[in-house]
Amino acid sequence: MSCGACCAHFRASFHWSEADDAGGSVPVELTVDVDPFRRAMRGTERRESCCVALEGTVGSSVRCSIYEQRPSVCREFNVSWDDAGHNEKCDRARRAFGLPPLTAVI
């Protein structure tokens, strides 16, 4: 993967039951409580966010160190023009890192 802007721009919050201490798959040590019902990936809970599971350099070469265990919010995030069409959130995250928006491949 070469982008990773979404992982370094948005808070990745999800229901607490997705963590492995509650029967889910997300490593609890990589999470932080947001409220009684939600957790977030550590690092994404602050204003200048970057998920603790993101390795590499945004826009160059990145990977998710817990890809198979990532929370639903990450699984459900669609890259612009990848199956689901345009995603303004993808464009917004890319802009934050000086990256151009993705374009549709025809």
Protein backbone atom coordinates (compact mmCIF):
# COMPACT_ATOMS: atom_id res chain seq x y z
CA MET A 1 0.00 0.00 0.00
CA SER A 2 1.31 3.45 -0.76
CA CYS A 3 -1.09 5.94 0.83
CA GLY A 4 -2.12 5.49 4.48
CA ALA A 5 -3.49 9.05 4.73
CA CYS A 6 -6.77 7.86 6.25
CA CYS A 7 -4.86 5.98 8.98
CA ALA A 8 -2.91 9.12 9.84
CA HIS A 9 -5.79 11.60 9.58
CA PHE A 10 -9.01 10.19 11.06
CA ARG A 11 -9.91 8.79 14.46
CA ALA A 12 -10.53 5.06 14.13
CA SER A 13 -13.25 4.47 16.72
CA PHE A 14 -15.32 1.32 17.05
CA HIS A 15 -17.51 -0.61 19.52
CA TRP A 16 -15.53 -1.87 22.52
CA SER A 17 -16.51 -5.48 21.75
CA GLU A 18 -14.20 -5.54 18.72
CA ALA A 19 -11.15 -5.65 21.01
CA ASP A 20 -9.62 -9.03 21.83
CA ASP A 21 -10.30 -8.68 25.56
CA ALA A 22 -14.02 -8.73 24.70
CA GLY A 23 -13.91 -11.56 22.16
CA GLY A 24 -13.04 -9.48 19.10
CA SER A 25 -9.81 -9.41 17.12
CA VAL A 26 -8.31 -5.92 17.65
CA PRO A 27 -5.37 -6.08 20.11
CA VAL A 28 -6.63 -4.21 23.18
CA GLU A 29 -3.14 -2.86 23.95
CA LEU A 30 -3.36 -0.85 20.72
CA THR A 31 -6.64 0.81 21.75
CA VAL A 32 -7.78 3.59 24.05
CA ASP A 33 -11.23 4.10 25.59
CA VAL A 34 -13.21 6.94 24.02
CA ASP A 35 -16.39 6.56 26.06
CA PRO A 36 -18.23 3.67 27.77
CA PHE A 37 -19.20 2.18 24.39
CA ARG A 38 -16.33 3.01 22.04
CA ARG A 39 -12.61 2.49 21.76
CA ALA A 40 -10.22 3.99 19.24
CA MET A 41 -6.94 2.88 17.79
CA ARG A 42 -4.19 4.39 19.93
CA GLY A 43 -2.78 7.49 18.29
CA THR A 44 -5.98 8.38 16.45
CA GLU A 45 -7.66 9.84 19.53
CA ARG A 46 -5.60 13.06 19.37
CA ARG A 47 -5.89 16.06 17.08
CA GLU A 48 -2.64 15.26 15.25
CA SER A 49 -3.51 11.62 14.74
CA CYS A 50 -1.69 8.61 13.40
CA CYS A 51 -2.71 5.05 14.08
CA VAL A 52 -0.18 3.11 16.13
CA ALA A 53 -0.60 0.16 13.75
CA LEU A 54 0.48 2.17 10.69
CA GLU A 55 4.05 1.50 9.64
CA GLY A 56 5.97 3.43 7.00
CA THR A 57 5.67 6.85 5.39
CA VAL A 58 2.28 8.23 4.35
CA GLY A 59 2.08 8.69 0.59
CA SER A 60 5.12 6.54 -0.04
CA SER A 61 5.06 3.07 1.42
CA VAL A 62 2.89 2.00 4.36
CA ARG A 63 1.33 -1.09 5.84
CA CYS A 64 -1.06 -1.93 8.65
CA SER A 65 0.72 -4.11 11.20
CA ILE A 66 -2.61 -5.65 12.28
CA TYR A 67 -4.32 -5.79 8.88
CA GLU A 68 -6.12 -9.09 9.53
CA GLN A 69 -7.17 -7.87 13.00
CA ARG A 70 -8.11 -4.28 12.11
CA PRO A 71 -11.43 -2.88 13.37
CA SER A 72 -14.60 -2.61 11.30
CA VAL A 73 -14.17 1.13 10.76
CA CYS A 74 -10.94 0.38 8.89
CA ARG A 75 -12.39 -2.60 7.03
CA GLU A 76 -15.33 -0.47 5.85
CA PHE A 77 -13.33 2.57 4.71
CA ASN A 78 -13.33 2.68 0.92
CA VAL A 79 -10.51 4.18 -1.07
CA SER A 80 -11.86 6.55 -3.71
CA TRP A 81 -12.81 4.77 -6.92
CA ASP A 82 -12.14 1.32 -5.45
CA ASP A 83 -15.39 -0.64 -6.02
CA ALA A 84 -17.64 1.85 -4.16
CA GLY A 85 -16.99 4.96 -6.26
CA HIS A 86 -15.87 8.34 -5.01
CA ASN A 87 -15.11 8.85 -1.29
CA GLU A 88 -14.78 12.49 -0.20
CA LYS A 89 -13.20 11.37 3.10
CA CYS A 90 -10.40 9.66 1.17
CA ASP A 91 -9.82 12.89 -0.78
CA ARG A 92 -9.83 14.95 2.45
CA ALA A 93 -7.24 12.70 4.12
CA ARG A 94 -5.01 12.77 1.05
CA ARG A 95 -5.25 16.60 0.87
CA ALA A 96 -4.08 16.83 4.49
CA PHE A 97 -0.81 15.21 3.38
CA GLY A 98 -0.44 17.16 0.16
CA LEU A 99 -1.49 14.20 -1.96
CA PRO A 100 -3.74 14.63 -5.00
CA PRO A 101 -7.17 12.99 -5.00
CA LEU A 102 -7.39 9.61 -6.65
CA THR A 103 -9.09 9.45 -10.04
CA ALA A 104 -11.35 6.83 -11.56
CA VAL A 105 -9.62 4.28 -13.76
CA ILE A 106 -11.56 3.74 -16.95
